[in-house]
Amino acid sequence: MNTTTDNLHLAAHLVHTAGNLSLSLRERGLTIDTKTSISDVVTQADRAAEDYVVTTLHNQRPTDAVFGEEGTAHLGTSGTRWTIDPVDGTYNFANNFEYWCSAIAFTEQDPTDPVRLSNRERYLSPSTNVTAGAVYQPCTHTLWVGGPNIPTTRNGQPLPHFGEAGRPHRDSLAAACINTYLHPTFHHNPDIYAAFLRVIGRSATYRMMGSASVDLASVAEGDTDLWMQHRLPDWDRLPGAALVLGVGGDIQDVDAAGEIWTLAGAPHLVEEAAAALRGD
């Protein structure tokens, strides 16, 4: 039987190898296709990296469930579910930016749970329903691993928890930097845009960088203070959410403007942002 430690070591190995494979393929030249919009792109590196991860998991964890951004949906029986984003931040990746990563999360649960075993939907896993995540940023050679019961590390070194010395503290959103993203199409939805502005308007500043897992790693690091996005699939949320939980942060999925928004960061900032989203 594989332990959580075994799975964590495997996750770290998989993202490191998948990330370096993707970088190598980029250096040789990419073919870029679009999916839902001109900015929603996919390359042969995304597919090759996911194929590598899926093949390895099928060989080493044949009874585990595996779900990936590029279409993998294997229903397992062990109770362990792997969620893969082979290249998170593909637009950045395809345009030679450094701000992208390979990301994996796994969740260990009761193998007889019929809801989870039958769940093929990509939006239905609560953001706190994760055992651990691994995120690797190849261009900076940075590997983060962690989870709710696994202190988050960067390249093997522990990150300070919220409230500990050596970590910035912001009393409120008015002093905070928010990492976020809102696709331009949602700027024309008055309810969604208003909810977004209710939070952003309270912050000191905000950034839109285009890779949710790297964004969440930056919150775990203390480089930014809060992360917020809506309508994100599991592979975009769970790996980085695990890192924030691993430094004592809070994660909330909030229903506002007819959408599910995920917030991550210091617990008091998450509470303030959740209230702003709802219009409380």
C-alpha atoms as a PDB file:
ATOM      1  CA  MET A   1       0.000   0.000   0.000  1.00  0.00           C
ATOM      2  CA  ASN A   2       1.314   3.444  -0.946  1.00  0.00           C
ATOM      3  CA  THR A   3       1.596   6.004   1.844  1.00  0.00           C
ATOM      4  CA  THR A   4       0.987   9.744   1.628  1.00  0.00           C
ATOM      5  CA  THR A   5       4.756  10.203   1.736  1.00  0.00           C
ATOM      6  CA  ASP A   6       5.154   7.829  -1.219  1.00  0.00           C
ATOM      7  CA  ASN A   7       2.555   9.771  -3.166  1.00  0.00           C
ATOM      8  CA  LEU A   8       4.159  13.109  -2.298  1.00  0.00           C
ATOM      9  CA  HIS A   9       7.558  11.950  -3.536  1.00  0.00           C
ATOM     10  CA  LEU A  10       5.944  10.683  -6.734  1.00  0.00           C
ATOM     11  CA  ALA A  11       4.073  13.963  -7.250  1.00  0.00           C
ATOM     12  CA  ALA A  12       7.291  15.952  -6.869  1.00  0.00           C
ATOM     13  CA  HIS A  13       9.068  13.696  -9.356  1.00  0.00           C
ATOM     14  CA  LEU A  14       6.215  13.925 -11.857  1.00  0.00           C
ATOM     15  CA  VAL A  15       5.967  17.724 -11.921  1.00  0.00           C
ATOM     16  CA  HIS A  16       9.740  18.107 -12.105  1.00  0.00           C
ATOM     17  CA  THR A  17      10.005  15.753 -15.066  1.00  0.00           C
ATOM     18  CA  ALA A  18       6.869  17.051 -16.815  1.00  0.00           C
ATOM     19  CA  GLY A  19       7.986  20.655 -16.411  1.00  0.00           C
ATOM     20  CA  ASN A  20      11.454  20.018 -17.797  1.00  0.00           C
ATOM     21  CA  LEU A  21       9.985  17.989 -20.666  1.00  0.00           C
ATOM     22  CA  SER A  22       7.712  20.916 -21.535  1.00  0.00           C
ATOM     23  CA  LEU A  23      10.584  23.391 -21.393  1.00  0.00           C
ATOM     24  CA  SER A  24      12.687  21.177 -23.649  1.00  0.00           C
ATOM     25  CA  LEU A  25       9.869  20.932 -26.192  1.00  0.00           C
ATOM     26  CA  ARG A  26       9.395  24.712 -26.130  1.00  0.00           C
ATOM     27  CA  GLU A  27      13.048  25.216 -26.954  1.00  0.00           C
ATOM     28  CA  ARG A  28      12.582  23.061 -30.068  1.00  0.00           C
ATOM     29  CA  GLY A  29       9.561  25.071 -31.266  1.00  0.00           C
ATOM     30  CA  LEU A  30       5.855  24.723 -30.570  1.00  0.00           C
ATOM     31  CA  THR A  31       2.681  24.200 -32.531  1.00  0.00           C
ATOM     32  CA  ILE A  32      -0.042  26.261 -30.858  1.00  0.00           C
ATOM     33  CA  ASP A  33      -3.770  25.511 -31.080  1.00  0.00           C
ATOM     34  CA  THR A  34      -6.691  27.355 -29.496  1.00  0.00           C
ATOM     35  CA  LYS A  35      -9.454  25.819 -27.379  1.00  0.00           C
ATOM     36  CA  THR A  36     -12.259  28.082 -26.134  1.00  0.00           C
ATOM     37  CA  SER A  37     -10.759  31.453 -27.122  1.00  0.00           C
ATOM     38  CA  ILE A  38      -7.717  33.044 -28.734  1.00  0.00           C
ATOM     39  CA  SER A  39      -6.039  33.266 -25.311  1.00  0.00           C
ATOM     40  CA  ASP A  40      -6.987  29.700 -24.286  1.00  0.00           C
ATOM     41  CA  VAL A  41      -4.196  27.825 -26.017  1.00  0.00           C
ATOM     42  CA  VAL A  42      -2.732  24.335 -25.992  1.00  0.00           C
ATOM     43  CA  THR A  43       0.553  23.017 -27.385  1.00  0.00           C
ATOM     44  CA  GLN A  44       2.078  19.626 -28.069  1.00  0.00           C
ATOM     45  CA  ALA A  45       4.067  20.129 -24.862  1.00  0.00           C
ATOM     46  CA  ASP A  46       0.857  20.194 -22.780  1.00  0.00           C
ATOM     47  CA  ARG A  47      -0.223  16.911 -24.329  1.00  0.00           C
ATOM     48  CA  ALA A  48       3.199  15.259 -24.121  1.00  0.00           C
ATOM     49  CA  ALA A  49       3.639  16.225 -20.465  1.00  0.00           C
ATOM     50  CA  GLU A  50       0.183  14.947 -19.543  1.00  0.00           C
ATOM     51  CA  ASP A  51       0.820  11.711 -21.458  1.00  0.00           C
ATOM     52  CA  TYR A  52       4.036  11.205 -19.494  1.00  0.00           C
ATOM     53  CA  VAL A  53       2.341  11.781 -16.131  1.00  0.00           C
ATOM     54  CA  VAL A  54      -0.661   9.604 -16.968  1.00  0.00           C
ATOM     55  CA  THR A  55       1.486   6.746 -18.267  1.00  0.00           C
ATOM     56  CA  THR A  56       3.658   6.842 -15.153  1.00  0.00           C
ATOM     57  CA  LEU A  57       0.623   6.861 -12.858  1.00  0.00           C
ATOM     58  CA  HIS A  58      -1.034   4.018 -14.745  1.00  0.00           C
ATOM     59  CA  ASN A  59       2.154   1.983 -14.331  1.00  0.00           C
ATOM     60  CA  GLN A  60       2.867   2.854 -10.686  1.00  0.00           C
ATOM     61  CA  ARG A  61      -0.667   3.535  -9.365  1.00  0.00           C
ATOM     62  CA  PRO A  62      -2.943   1.442 -11.624  1.00  0.00           C
ATOM     63  CA  THR A  63      -5.969   1.568  -9.309  1.00  0.00           C
ATOM     64  CA  ASP A  64      -5.855   5.335  -8.675  1.00  0.00           C
ATOM     65  CA  ALA A  65      -8.184   7.813 -10.382  1.00  0.00           C
ATOM     66  CA  VAL A  66      -6.447  10.254 -12.741  1.00  0.00           C
ATOM     67  CA  PHE A  67      -7.903  13.458 -14.202  1.00  0.00           C
ATOM     68  CA  GLY A  68      -6.049  15.949 -16.397  1.00  0.00           C
ATOM     69  CA  GLU A  69      -6.644  19.227 -18.172  1.00  0.00           C
ATOM     70  CA  GLU A  70      -5.959  17.762 -21.603  1.00  0.00           C
ATOM     71  CA  GLY A  71      -8.718  15.168 -21.369  1.00  0.00           C
ATOM     72  CA  THR A  72      -7.560  12.343 -19.109  1.00  0.00           C
ATOM     73  CA  ALA A  73     -10.436  10.891 -17.058  1.00  0.00           C
ATOM     74  CA  HIS A  74      -9.606   7.515 -15.494  1.00  0.00           C
ATOM     75  CA  LEU A  75     -11.921   6.340 -12.733  1.00  0.00           C
ATOM     76  CA  GLY A  76     -10.004   4.389 -10.102  1.00  0.00           C
ATOM     77  CA  THR A  77     -10.943   2.153  -7.191  1.00  0.00           C
ATOM     78  CA  SER A  78      -8.221   2.859  -4.600  1.00  0.00           C
ATOM     79  CA  GLY A  79      -9.685   6.091  -3.211  1.00  0.00           C
ATOM     80  CA  THR A  80      -6.693   8.154  -4.368  1.00  0.00           C
ATOM     81  CA  ARG A  81      -7.382  10.707  -7.071  1.00  0.00           C
ATOM     82  CA  TRP A  82      -4.678  12.572  -9.014  1.00  0.00           C
ATOM     83  CA  THR A  83      -5.419  15.913 -10.675  1.00  0.00           C
ATOM     84  CA  ILE A  84      -2.948  17.078 -13.325  1.00  0.00           C
ATOM     85  CA  ASP A  85      -2.194  20.392 -14.999  1.00  0.00           C
ATOM     86  CA  PRO A  86       0.806  19.561 -17.205  1.00  0.00           C
ATOM     87  CA  VAL A  87       1.395  23.211 -18.158  1.00  0.00           C
ATOM     88  CA  ASP A  88      -0.442  25.775 -16.032  1.00  0.00           C
ATOM     89  CA  GLY A  89      -0.150  29.141 -17.728  1.00  0.00           C
ATOM     90  CA  THR A  90       0.013  27.850 -21.296  1.00  0.00           C
ATOM     91  CA  TYR A  91      -0.394  31.312 -22.834  1.00  0.00           C
ATOM     92  CA  ASN A  92       2.680  32.476 -20.909  1.00  0.00           C
ATOM     93  CA  PHE A  93       4.507  29.252 -21.765  1.00  0.00           C
ATOM     94  CA  ALA A  94       3.746  29.544 -25.482  1.00  0.00           C
ATOM     95  CA  ASN A  95       4.904  33.165 -25.536  1.00  0.00           C
ATOM     96  CA  ASN A  96       8.231  32.516 -23.776  1.00  0.00           C
ATOM     97  CA  PHE A  97       7.289  34.019 -20.404  1.00  0.00           C
ATOM     98  CA  GLU A  98       8.697  32.416 -17.252  1.00  0.00           C
ATOM     99  CA  TYR A  99       5.419  32.514 -15.305  1.00  0.00           C
ATOM    100  CA  TRP A 100       4.113  28.970 -15.818  1.00  0.00           C
ATOM    101  CA  CYS A 101       4.489  25.617 -14.107  1.00  0.00           C
ATOM    102  CA  SER A 102       3.591  21.950 -13.989  1.00  0.00           C
ATOM    103  CA  ALA A 103       1.184  21.118 -11.172  1.00  0.00           C
ATOM    104  CA  ILE A 104      -0.317  18.011  -9.569  1.00  0.00           C
ATOM    105  CA  ALA A 105      -2.566  17.412  -6.584  1.00  0.00           C
ATOM    106  CA  PHE A 106      -3.726  14.176  -5.027  1.00  0.00           C
ATOM    107  CA  THR A 107      -6.573  13.415  -2.676  1.00  0.00           C
ATOM    108  CA  GLU A 108      -6.764  10.299  -0.526  1.00  0.00           C
ATOM    109  CA  GLN A 109     -10.285   9.378   0.549  1.00  0.00           C
ATOM    110  CA  ASP A 110     -12.552   6.459   1.392  1.00  0.00           C
ATOM    111  CA  PRO A 111     -12.538   4.190  -1.684  1.00  0.00           C
ATOM    112  CA  THR A 112     -16.188   3.285  -1.039  1.00  0.00           C
ATOM    113  CA  ASP A 113     -17.360   6.912  -1.233  1.00  0.00           C
ATOM    114  CA  PRO A 114     -19.796   6.767  -4.182  1.00  0.00           C
ATOM    115  CA  VAL A 115     -19.906  10.530  -4.699  1.00  0.00           C
ATOM    116  CA  ARG A 116     -16.187  10.933  -5.171  1.00  0.00           C
ATOM    117  CA  LEU A 117     -15.724   7.740  -7.142  1.00  0.00           C
ATOM    118  CA  SER A 118     -18.423   8.724  -9.622  1.00  0.00           C
ATOM    119  CA  ASN A 119     -17.292  12.347  -9.865  1.00  0.00           C
ATOM    120  CA  ARG A 120     -16.060  13.049 -13.382  1.00  0.00           C
ATOM    121  CA  GLU A 121     -16.910  16.735 -13.202  1.00  0.00           C
ATOM    122  CA  ARG A 122     -14.016  19.142 -13.047  1.00  0.00           C
ATOM    123  CA  TYR A 123     -15.544  21.811 -10.790  1.00  0.00           C
ATOM    124  CA  LEU A 124     -17.041  19.716  -7.984  1.00  0.00           C
ATOM    125  CA  SER A 125     -14.127  19.065  -5.629  1.00  0.00           C
ATOM    126  CA  PRO A 126     -14.090  21.546  -2.727  1.00  0.00           C
ATOM    127  CA  SER A 127     -10.802  23.406  -2.603  1.00  0.00           C
ATOM    128  CA  THR A 128     -10.102  22.024   0.880  1.00  0.00           C
ATOM    129  CA  ASN A 129     -10.570  18.440  -0.361  1.00  0.00           C
ATOM    130  CA  VAL A 130      -6.907  17.876  -1.148  1.00  0.00           C
ATOM    131  CA  THR A 131      -4.204  15.832   0.575  1.00  0.00           C
ATOM    132  CA  ALA A 132      -1.154  17.446  -1.035  1.00  0.00           C
ATOM    133  CA  GLY A 133       0.072  19.309  -4.070  1.00  0.00           C
ATOM    134  CA  ALA A 134       3.308  19.755  -5.999  1.00  0.00           C
ATOM    135  CA  VAL A 135       4.104  22.734  -8.228  1.00  0.00           C
ATOM    136  CA  TYR A 136       7.289  23.088 -10.279  1.00  0.00           C
ATOM    137  CA  GLN A 137       8.332  26.258 -12.117  1.00  0.00           C
ATOM    138  CA  PRO A 138      11.033  25.112 -14.566  1.00  0.00           C
ATOM    139  CA  CYS A 139      12.326  28.549 -15.554  1.00  0.00           C
ATOM    140  CA  THR A 140      13.253  29.334 -11.945  1.00  0.00           C
ATOM    141  CA  HIS A 141      14.027  25.732 -10.904  1.00  0.00           C
ATOM    142  CA  THR A 142      11.560  26.060  -8.030  1.00  0.00           C
ATOM    143  CA  LEU A 143       9.648  23.119  -6.559  1.00  0.00           C
ATOM    144  CA  TRP A 144       6.942  23.602  -3.941  1.00  0.00           C
ATOM    145  CA  VAL A 145       5.237  20.721  -2.144  1.00  0.00           C
ATOM    146  CA  GLY A 146       2.802  20.747   0.751  1.00  0.00           C
ATOM    147  CA  GLY A 147      -0.690  20.103   2.029  1.00  0.00           C
ATOM    148  CA  PRO A 148      -3.079  20.610   4.946  1.00  0.00           C
ATOM    149  CA  ASN A 149      -1.035  18.259   7.143  1.00  0.00           C
ATOM    150  CA  ILE A 150       2.260  18.613   5.274  1.00  0.00           C
ATOM    151  CA  PRO A 151       4.220  21.845   5.896  1.00  0.00           C
ATOM    152  CA  THR A 152       4.905  23.523   2.571  1.00  0.00           C
ATOM    153  CA  THR A 153       8.501  23.658   1.362  1.00  0.00           C
ATOM    154  CA  ARG A 154      10.339  25.402  -1.445  1.00  0.00           C
ATOM    155  CA  ASN A 155      13.187  23.265  -2.793  1.00  0.00           C
ATOM    156  CA  GLY A 156      13.128  21.344   0.470  1.00  0.00           C
ATOM    157  CA  GLN A 157      13.198  24.393   2.757  1.00  0.00           C
ATOM    158  CA  PRO A 158      10.150  25.063   4.978  1.00  0.00           C
ATOM    159  CA  LEU A 159       8.166  28.233   4.340  1.00  0.00           C
ATOM    160  CA  PRO A 160       7.100  30.342   7.341  1.00  0.00           C
ATOM    161  CA  HIS A 161       3.475  29.912   8.364  1.00  0.00           C
ATOM    162  CA  PHE A 162       0.995  32.752   8.628  1.00  0.00           C
ATOM    163  CA  GLY A 163       1.670  34.572  11.886  1.00  0.00           C
ATOM    164  CA  GLU A 164       5.292  33.433  12.151  1.00  0.00           C
ATOM    165  CA  ALA A 165       8.353  35.667  12.119  1.00  0.00           C
ATOM    166  CA  GLY A 166       9.805  36.328   8.697  1.00  0.00           C
ATOM    167  CA  ARG A 167       6.441  36.491   6.982  1.00  0.00           C
ATOM    168  CA  PRO A 168       4.717  39.781   6.009  1.00  0.00           C
ATOM    169  CA  HIS A 169       1.480  40.535   7.860  1.00  0.00           C
ATOM    170  CA  ARG A 170      -1.301  42.664   6.397  1.00  0.00           C
ATOM    171  CA  ASP A 171      -4.012  43.820   8.771  1.00  0.00           C
ATOM    172  CA  SER A 172      -6.632  44.164   6.050  1.00  0.00           C
ATOM    173  CA  LEU A 173      -7.203  44.097   2.299  1.00  0.00           C
ATOM    174  CA  ALA A 174      -6.378  47.806   2.268  1.00  0.00           C
ATOM    175  CA  ALA A 175      -2.728  46.831   2.804  1.00  0.00           C
ATOM    176  CA  ALA A 176      -2.790  43.647   0.704  1.00  0.00           C
ATOM    177  CA  CYS A 177      -1.688  42.617  -2.780  1.00  0.00           C
ATOM    178  CA  ILE A 178      -4.200  40.303  -4.464  1.00  0.00           C
ATOM    179  CA  ASN A 179      -3.219  37.776  -7.119  1.00  0.00           C
ATOM    180  CA  THR A 180      -6.177  37.255  -9.416  1.00  0.00           C
ATOM    181  CA  TYR A 181      -7.454  36.901 -12.965  1.00  0.00           C
ATOM    182  CA  LEU A 182     -10.695  37.818 -14.703  1.00  0.00           C
ATOM    183  CA  HIS A 183     -11.044  36.939 -18.369  1.00  0.00           C
ATOM    184  CA  PRO A 184     -12.008  39.982 -20.476  1.00  0.00           C
ATOM    185  CA  THR A 185     -15.316  38.374 -21.470  1.00  0.00           C
ATOM    186  CA  PHE A 186     -16.484  38.598 -17.851  1.00  0.00           C
ATOM    187  CA  HIS A 187     -15.869  42.343 -17.760  1.00  0.00           C
ATOM    188  CA  HIS A 188     -19.146  42.624 -19.674  1.00  0.00           C
ATOM    189  CA  ASN A 189     -21.123  40.627 -17.105  1.00  0.00           C
ATOM    190  CA  PRO A 190     -22.286  43.325 -14.676  1.00  0.00           C
ATOM    191  CA  ASP A 191     -22.903  41.005 -11.710  1.00  0.00           C
ATOM    192  CA  ILE A 192     -19.579  39.170 -11.976  1.00  0.00           C
ATOM    193  CA  TYR A 193     -17.603  42.334 -12.629  1.00  0.00           C
ATOM    194  CA  ALA A 194     -19.269  44.096  -9.704  1.00  0.00           C
ATOM    195  CA  ALA A 195     -18.402  41.212  -7.350  1.00  0.00           C
ATOM    196  CA  PHE A 196     -14.816  41.269  -8.610  1.00  0.00           C
ATOM    197  CA  LEU A 197     -14.530  45.018  -8.051  1.00  0.00           C
ATOM    198  CA  ARG A 198     -15.972  44.786  -4.548  1.00  0.00           C
ATOM    199  CA  VAL A 199     -12.852  42.846  -3.544  1.00  0.00           C
ATOM    200  CA  ILE A 200     -10.238  44.473  -5.778  1.00  0.00           C
ATOM    201  CA  GLY A 201     -11.488  47.922  -4.826  1.00  0.00           C
ATOM    202  CA  ARG A 202     -10.590  47.260  -1.193  1.00  0.00           C
ATOM    203  CA  SER A 203      -7.016  46.148  -1.904  1.00  0.00           C
ATOM    204  CA  ALA A 204      -3.764  48.087  -1.955  1.00  0.00           C
ATOM    205  CA  THR A 205      -2.925  46.633  -5.371  1.00  0.00           C
ATOM    206  CA  TYR A 206      -3.417  43.517  -7.478  1.00  0.00           C
ATOM    207  CA  ARG A 207      -1.663  41.415 -10.102  1.00  0.00           C
ATOM    208  CA  MET A 208      -2.883  39.287 -13.025  1.00  0.00           C
ATOM    209  CA  MET A 209      -0.118  36.905 -14.082  1.00  0.00           C
ATOM    210  CA  GLY A 210      -1.891  33.982 -15.745  1.00  0.00           C
ATOM    211  CA  SER A 211      -0.927  30.839 -13.806  1.00  0.00           C
ATOM    212  CA  ALA A 212      -3.143  29.979 -10.854  1.00  0.00           C
ATOM    213  CA  SER A 213      -0.742  27.446  -9.340  1.00  0.00           C
ATOM    214  CA  VAL A 214       2.205  29.870  -9.413  1.00  0.00           C
ATOM    215  CA  ASP A 215      -0.106  32.569  -8.049  1.00  0.00           C
ATOM    216  CA  LEU A 216      -1.029  30.321  -5.128  1.00  0.00           C
ATOM    217  CA  ALA A 217       2.619  29.415  -4.565  1.00  0.00           C
ATOM    218  CA  SER A 218       3.350  33.151  -4.282  1.00  0.00           C
ATOM    219  CA  VAL A 219       0.675  33.416  -1.569  1.00  0.00           C
ATOM    220  CA  ALA A 220       2.245  30.448   0.226  1.00  0.00           C
ATOM    221  CA  GLU A 221       5.622  32.218  -0.043  1.00  0.00           C
ATOM    222  CA  GLY A 222       4.256  35.498   1.309  1.00  0.00           C
ATOM    223  CA  ASP A 223       5.095  37.408  -1.885  1.00  0.00           C
ATOM    224  CA  THR A 224       1.402  38.216  -2.362  1.00  0.00           C
ATOM    225  CA  ASP A 225      -1.320  38.170   0.265  1.00  0.00           C
ATOM    226  CA  LEU A 226      -4.539  36.801  -1.227  1.00  0.00           C
ATOM    227  CA  TRP A 227      -5.600  34.860  -4.298  1.00  0.00           C
ATOM    228  CA  MET A 228      -9.035  35.056  -5.895  1.00  0.00           C
ATOM    229  CA  GLN A 229     -10.547  33.530  -9.028  1.00  0.00           C
ATOM    230  CA  HIS A 230     -13.870  32.119 -10.137  1.00  0.00           C
ATOM    231  CA  ARG A 231     -15.010  29.116 -12.167  1.00  0.00           C
ATOM    232  CA  LEU A 232     -11.706  27.266 -11.989  1.00  0.00           C
ATOM    233  CA  PRO A 233     -11.423  23.502 -12.574  1.00  0.00           C
ATOM    234  CA  ASP A 234      -9.771  21.234 -10.035  1.00  0.00           C
ATOM    235  CA  TRP A 235      -6.400  21.127 -11.801  1.00  0.00           C
ATOM    236  CA  ASP A 236      -6.100  24.914 -11.598  1.00  0.00           C
ATOM    237  CA  ARG A 237      -7.109  25.127  -7.916  1.00  0.00           C
ATOM    238  CA  LEU A 238      -6.091  22.067  -5.965  1.00  0.00           C
ATOM    239  CA  PRO A 239      -2.272  21.934  -6.362  1.00  0.00           C
ATOM    240  CA  GLY A 240      -1.757  25.519  -5.232  1.00  0.00           C
ATOM    241  CA  ALA A 241      -4.529  25.378  -2.638  1.00  0.00           C
ATOM    242  CA  ALA A 242      -2.593  22.572  -0.954  1.00  0.00           C
ATOM    243  CA  LEU A 243       0.471  24.828  -0.685  1.00  0.00           C
ATOM    244  CA  VAL A 244      -1.481  27.620   1.004  1.00  0.00           C
ATOM    245  CA  LEU A 245      -3.070  25.171   3.434  1.00  0.00           C
ATOM    246  CA  GLY A 246       0.432  23.893   4.201  1.00  0.00           C
ATOM    247  CA  VAL A 247       1.456  27.282   5.635  1.00  0.00           C
ATOM    248  CA  GLY A 248      -1.652  27.644   7.789  1.00  0.00           C
ATOM    249  CA  GLY A 249      -3.682  29.605   5.266  1.00  0.00           C
ATOM    250  CA  ASP A 250      -7.400  29.383   4.639  1.00  0.00           C
ATOM    251  CA  ILE A 251      -9.269  28.361   1.493  1.00  0.00           C
ATOM    252  CA  GLN A 252     -12.902  29.223   0.879  1.00  0.00           C
ATOM    253  CA  ASP A 253     -15.214  28.523  -2.048  1.00  0.00           C
ATOM    254  CA  VAL A 254     -17.719  31.388  -2.084  1.00  0.00           C
ATOM    255  CA  ASP A 255     -21.001  31.593  -4.025  1.00  0.00           C
ATOM    256  CA  ALA A 256     -21.380  35.118  -5.411  1.00  0.00           C
ATOM    257  CA  ALA A 257     -22.935  36.567  -8.577  1.00  0.00           C
ATOM    258  CA  GLY A 258     -24.018  33.087  -9.635  1.00  0.00           C
ATOM    259  CA  GLU A 259     -20.451  31.763  -9.651  1.00  0.00           C
ATOM    260  CA  ILE A 260     -18.151  29.854  -7.300  1.00  0.00           C
ATOM    261  CA  TRP A 261     -15.123  31.959  -6.395  1.00  0.00           C
ATOM    262  CA  THR A 262     -12.128  30.507  -4.595  1.00  0.00           C
ATOM    263  CA  LEU A 263     -10.193  32.596  -2.089  1.00  0.00           C
ATOM    264  CA  ALA A 264      -6.855  31.650  -0.527  1.00  0.00           C
ATOM    265  CA  GLY A 265      -4.591  33.416   1.920  1.00  0.00           C
ATOM    266  CA  ALA A 266      -4.384  34.569   5.512  1.00  0.00           C
ATOM    267  CA  PRO A 267      -7.631  33.582   7.257  1.00  0.00           C
ATOM    268  CA  HIS A 268      -8.636  37.145   8.177  1.00  0.00           C
ATOM    269  CA  LEU A 269      -8.063  38.370   4.608  1.00  0.00           C
ATOM    270  CA  VAL A 270     -10.068  35.470   3.197  1.00  0.00           C
ATOM    271  CA  GLU A 271     -12.952  36.345   5.538  1.00  0.00           C
ATOM    272  CA  GLU A 272     -12.855  40.008   4.533  1.00  0.00           C
ATOM    273  CA  ALA A 273     -12.748  39.163   0.824  1.00  0.00           C
ATOM    274  CA  ALA A 274     -15.559  36.604   1.140  1.00  0.00           C
ATOM    275  CA  ALA A 275     -17.805  39.189   2.766  1.00  0.00           C
ATOM    276  CA  ALA A 276     -16.967  41.708   0.031  1.00  0.00           C
ATOM    277  CA  LEU A 277     -17.706  39.178  -2.715  1.00  0.00           C
ATOM    278  CA  ARG A 278     -21.134  38.455  -1.250  1.00  0.00           C
ATOM    279  CA  GLY A 279     -21.818  42.143  -0.746  1.00  0.00           C
ATOM    280  CA  ASP A 280     -22.179  41.759   3.027  1.00  0.00           C
END
